[in-house]
Amino acid sequence: MKPIVVLQNEDMAPPGYLGHALDRRGVDWRVVRLDTGESLPEAEDVSGVAVLGGPMGVYDDEEFPFLVDEKRFLVECTKADVPVLGICLGCQLLADGLGGRAYVADRAEIVFAPIEPTPDGLADSVVAVLAGRRTIRYHQDTFDVPPGATLLATGGGFDQAFRMGSAVGLQPHPEVTPDLFRGWVGTERGRQRAIDLGADPDAVIAAFTAAEAEAEATAALVFDAWIDEVLHSLG
């Protein structure tokens, strides 16, 4: 089996629960740290690609030039029918690369709440398992669904998930553990940023920490469904 590649865009956004699921399933996988200059593989050399989040926007490619090649790689993988899972920034990169648009929203979202699958989402193996299940949603950017893609979920006034061929984009963060989330909004700087964006970081941290078992179970469902999709694509 060719490896599953996880694209990491910054130090504070590691694989989290996604890594736990990949280890538990015993598949071959590796992280590519784009922010530290590691090189992307070729699309034909991977079984699947998962793309993590980051504080940058798709439009920040002058400051983060690796975003240009990352977006190109995701499009190439999608065209080659390689399963792709984009999370938050990864979702926005997919949407933008496939003909939609990623941009700064008129407000941010920092909540621990369920998304709302559409009828198509309820028929989608990856998104259907999120029905009624809370996940962390932390983003200031949003996206327009690409032409020809299928909207799979909404929530809070935002599009939250879509699929186009072998690629599925998720705006929420099922990979994030309570420890990782506290690293985002529990520090003095992170807490102040969350407050400035209109959130109550202490309340979200408390709710998420109290629901750690629920969050872990939700992540296992999501990532098992996607890993199953990768394995099925191999025949």
Protein backbone atom coordinates (compact mmCIF):
# COMPACT_ATOMS: atom_id res chain seq x y z
CA MET A 1 0.00 0.00 0.00
CA LYS A 2 1.23 3.46 -0.88
CA PRO A 3 1.24 5.76 2.15
CA ILE A 4 -1.50 8.09 3.23
CA VAL A 5 0.02 11.55 3.47
CA VAL A 6 -1.05 14.11 6.06
CA LEU A 7 -0.16 17.68 5.10
CA GLN A 8 0.64 19.84 8.13
CA ASN A 9 0.74 23.60 7.68
CA GLU A 10 1.98 24.77 11.08
CA ASP A 11 3.34 23.48 14.37
CA MET A 12 0.15 24.03 16.38
CA ALA A 13 -2.07 22.05 14.00
CA PRO A 14 -0.81 18.43 14.14
CA PRO A 15 -2.83 15.32 13.17
CA GLY A 16 -4.35 14.79 16.64
CA TYR A 17 -7.19 12.27 16.57
CA LEU A 18 -6.55 11.65 12.86
CA GLY A 19 -3.12 10.28 13.73
CA HIS A 20 -4.66 8.12 16.44
CA ALA A 21 -7.08 6.62 13.90
CA LEU A 22 -4.39 5.98 11.29
CA ASP A 23 -2.22 4.25 13.89
CA ARG A 24 -5.13 2.19 15.21
CA ARG A 25 -6.00 1.02 11.68
CA GLY A 26 -2.40 0.02 11.03
CA VAL A 27 -2.11 1.81 7.69
CA ASP A 28 1.10 3.24 6.28
CA TRP A 29 1.08 7.02 6.75
CA ARG A 30 3.39 9.95 7.17
CA VAL A 31 3.26 13.67 7.85
CA VAL A 32 4.62 16.20 5.38
CA ARG A 33 5.53 19.46 7.14
CA LEU A 34 5.02 22.03 4.41
CA ASP A 35 5.77 24.88 6.81
CA THR A 36 9.30 23.55 7.39
CA GLY A 37 10.06 23.04 3.72
CA GLU A 38 9.35 19.33 3.28
CA SER A 39 8.48 18.36 -0.27
CA LEU A 40 5.15 17.18 -1.58
CA PRO A 41 5.02 13.70 -3.12
CA GLU A 42 3.55 12.95 -6.53
CA ALA A 43 -0.17 12.19 -6.68
CA GLU A 44 0.52 8.70 -8.06
CA ASP A 45 2.68 7.89 -5.03
CA VAL A 46 -0.03 8.23 -2.35
CA SER A 47 -3.14 6.27 -1.40
CA GLY A 48 -4.85 9.25 0.22
CA VAL A 49 -4.22 12.79 1.37
CA ALA A 50 -5.48 14.59 4.46
CA VAL A 51 -4.88 18.32 4.83
CA LEU A 52 -4.86 19.97 8.26
CA GLY A 53 -5.62 23.51 9.34
CA GLY A 54 -3.59 26.60 10.12
CA PRO A 55 -3.97 30.28 10.99
CA MET A 56 -3.19 31.47 7.47
CA GLY A 57 -5.71 31.98 4.70
CA VAL A 58 -5.66 30.53 1.20
CA TYR A 59 -4.98 34.08 -0.05
CA ASP A 60 -1.81 34.39 2.10
CA ASP A 61 0.36 32.67 -0.49
CA GLU A 62 2.93 35.48 -0.63
CA GLU A 63 3.72 35.00 3.06
CA PHE A 64 3.26 31.22 2.85
CA PRO A 65 4.32 30.28 -0.70
CA PHE A 66 3.92 26.54 -0.03
CA LEU A 67 0.15 27.10 -0.24
CA VAL A 68 0.41 27.44 -4.03
CA ASP A 69 1.91 23.99 -4.55
CA GLU A 70 -0.29 22.52 -1.83
CA LYS A 71 -3.44 23.66 -3.60
CA ARG A 72 -2.13 22.42 -6.95
CA PHE A 73 -1.35 19.02 -5.40
CA LEU A 74 -4.85 18.69 -3.98
CA VAL A 75 -6.38 19.40 -7.37
CA GLU A 76 -4.08 16.86 -9.02
CA CYS A 77 -5.03 14.22 -6.45
CA THR A 78 -8.73 14.91 -6.89
CA LYS A 79 -8.44 14.64 -10.68
CA ALA A 80 -6.58 11.34 -10.21
CA ASP A 81 -9.40 10.02 -7.95
CA VAL A 82 -7.11 9.87 -4.93
CA PRO A 83 -9.20 10.27 -1.75
CA VAL A 84 -8.60 13.72 -0.25
CA LEU A 85 -9.83 14.99 3.12
CA GLY A 86 -9.50 18.72 3.72
CA ILE A 87 -9.99 20.05 7.25
CA CYS A 88 -10.62 23.77 7.87
CA LEU A 89 -7.79 25.44 5.89
CA GLY A 90 -7.58 22.19 3.95
CA CYS A 91 -11.28 22.48 3.12
CA GLN A 92 -10.78 26.07 1.96
CA LEU A 93 -7.76 25.12 -0.16
CA LEU A 94 -9.82 22.39 -1.82
CA ALA A 95 -12.76 24.70 -2.46
CA ASP A 96 -10.54 27.42 -3.92
CA GLY A 97 -8.46 25.05 -6.02
CA LEU A 98 -11.48 23.27 -7.46
CA GLY A 99 -13.09 26.46 -8.71
CA GLY A 100 -14.86 27.87 -5.65
CA ARG A 101 -13.55 30.64 -3.45
CA ALA A 102 -12.05 31.01 0.04
CA TYR A 103 -12.21 34.37 1.78
CA VAL A 104 -12.49 36.17 5.12
CA ALA A 105 -16.00 35.81 6.51
CA ASP A 106 -17.92 38.73 8.01
CA ARG A 107 -17.58 37.04 11.42
CA ALA A 108 -15.66 34.23 13.06
CA GLU A 109 -16.97 30.98 14.53
CA ILE A 110 -15.50 29.42 17.68
CA VAL A 111 -18.00 26.89 19.01
CA PHE A 112 -18.35 23.26 20.03
CA ALA A 113 -21.53 22.27 18.24
CA PRO A 114 -22.93 19.89 15.61
CA ILE A 115 -23.00 20.74 11.94
CA GLU A 116 -26.20 20.07 9.99
CA PRO A 117 -25.82 17.55 7.15
CA THR A 118 -27.90 18.17 4.05
CA PRO A 119 -29.83 15.24 2.53
CA ASP A 120 -26.76 14.59 0.38
CA GLY A 121 -24.61 14.79 3.51
CA LEU A 122 -26.72 12.16 5.23
CA ALA A 123 -25.95 9.86 2.29
CA ASP A 124 -22.21 10.60 2.43
CA SER A 125 -20.14 8.07 4.34
CA VAL A 126 -17.82 10.64 5.92
CA VAL A 127 -20.25 13.45 6.74
CA ALA A 128 -23.26 11.36 7.76
CA VAL A 129 -21.55 10.21 10.97
CA LEU A 130 -21.39 13.84 12.15
CA ALA A 131 -25.16 14.20 12.34
CA GLY A 132 -26.05 15.31 15.87
CA ARG A 133 -22.42 15.11 17.02
CA ARG A 134 -20.57 18.14 18.34
CA THR A 135 -17.24 19.18 16.87
CA ILE A 136 -14.94 22.15 17.31
CA ARG A 137 -15.58 24.83 14.72
CA TYR A 138 -12.86 27.48 14.82
CA HIS A 139 -12.43 29.60 11.70
CA GLN A 140 -12.46 33.17 10.50
CA ASP A 141 -12.44 32.30 6.80
CA THR A 142 -15.16 30.57 4.84
CA PHE A 143 -15.62 29.22 1.31
CA ASP A 144 -17.97 29.01 -1.63
CA VAL A 145 -18.70 25.49 -2.84
CA PRO A 146 -17.03 24.84 -6.21
CA PRO A 147 -19.22 24.54 -9.31
CA GLY A 148 -20.23 20.91 -9.74
CA ALA A 149 -19.54 20.04 -6.10
CA THR A 150 -22.17 18.86 -3.62
CA LEU A 151 -22.91 20.77 -0.42
CA LEU A 152 -22.92 18.23 2.41
CA ALA A 153 -23.50 20.31 5.56
CA THR A 154 -24.22 23.77 6.88
CA GLY A 155 -24.27 25.31 10.35
CA GLY A 156 -24.11 28.68 12.04
CA GLY A 157 -24.78 30.45 8.75
CA PHE A 158 -21.77 28.83 7.06
CA ASP A 159 -21.28 26.06 4.54
CA GLN A 160 -19.55 23.34 6.57
CA ALA A 161 -18.79 20.46 4.20
CA PHE A 162 -18.76 19.57 0.52
CA ARG A 163 -17.68 16.79 -1.80
CA MET A 164 -16.34 16.84 -5.32
CA GLY A 165 -15.39 13.43 -6.68
CA SER A 166 -12.82 11.82 -4.40
CA ALA A 167 -12.37 14.98 -2.32
CA VAL A 168 -14.35 15.91 0.77
CA GLY A 169 -13.92 19.18 2.64
CA LEU A 170 -14.81 19.64 6.30
CA GLN A 171 -14.82 23.10 7.88
CA PRO A 172 -14.94 21.69 11.46
CA HIS A 173 -11.98 20.20 13.34
CA PRO A 174 -12.76 16.57 14.31
CA GLU A 175 -8.99 15.96 14.63
CA VAL A 176 -8.54 18.41 17.51
CA THR A 177 -8.05 17.05 21.03
CA PRO A 178 -8.87 19.09 24.15
CA ASP A 179 -5.14 19.57 24.78
CA LEU A 180 -4.63 20.94 21.28
CA PHE A 181 -7.63 23.23 21.59
CA ARG A 182 -6.39 24.61 24.89
CA GLY A 183 -3.14 25.40 23.09
CA TRP A 184 -5.14 27.46 20.60
CA VAL A 185 -7.41 29.45 22.91
CA GLY A 186 -6.15 28.75 26.44
CA THR A 187 -3.00 30.86 26.22
CA GLU A 188 -3.12 34.56 26.99
CA ARG A 189 -2.71 35.48 23.33
CA GLY A 190 -5.10 32.81 22.05
CA ARG A 191 -7.71 33.66 24.65
CA GLN A 192 -7.60 37.36 23.80
CA ARG A 193 -7.87 36.63 20.09
CA ALA A 194 -10.93 34.44 20.69
CA ILE A 195 -12.53 37.19 22.77
CA ASP A 196 -11.75 39.75 20.08
CA LEU A 197 -13.50 37.45 17.59
CA GLY A 198 -16.62 37.42 19.76
CA ALA A 199 -16.23 34.06 21.48
CA ASP A 200 -16.18 32.95 25.12
CA PRO A 201 -13.03 30.80 25.11
CA ASP A 202 -13.39 29.62 28.71
CA ALA A 203 -16.90 28.30 28.04
CA VAL A 204 -15.88 26.50 24.86
CA ILE A 205 -12.81 24.97 26.53
CA ALA A 206 -14.92 23.78 29.47
CA ALA A 207 -17.59 22.23 27.25
CA PHE A 208 -15.06 20.53 24.99
CA THR A 209 -12.93 19.21 27.86
CA ALA A 210 -16.00 17.79 29.61
CA ALA A 211 -16.93 16.00 26.37
CA GLU A 212 -13.52 14.50 25.64
CA ALA A 213 -14.87 10.94 25.31
CA GLU A 214 -17.58 12.17 22.95
CA ALA A 215 -15.06 14.11 20.85
CA GLU A 216 -12.75 11.10 20.61
CA ALA A 217 -15.62 8.83 19.57
CA THR A 218 -16.80 11.31 16.94
CA ALA A 219 -13.31 11.62 15.51
CA ALA A 220 -12.98 7.83 15.32
CA LEU A 221 -16.22 7.60 13.33
CA VAL A 222 -15.20 10.33 10.89
CA PHE A 223 -11.67 9.14 10.30
CA ASP A 224 -12.58 5.45 10.16
CA ALA A 225 -15.13 6.31 7.46
CA TRP A 226 -12.50 8.18 5.47
CA ILE A 227 -9.85 5.47 5.92
CA ASP A 228 -12.43 2.93 4.73
CA GLU A 229 -12.91 5.11 1.66
CA VAL A 230 -9.16 5.12 1.01
CA LEU A 231 -8.90 1.34 1.38
CA HIS A 232 -11.95 0.80 -0.85
CA SER A 233 -10.36 2.97 -3.55
CA LEU A 234 -7.41 0.56 -3.66
CA GLY A 235 -9.72 -2.27 -4.73
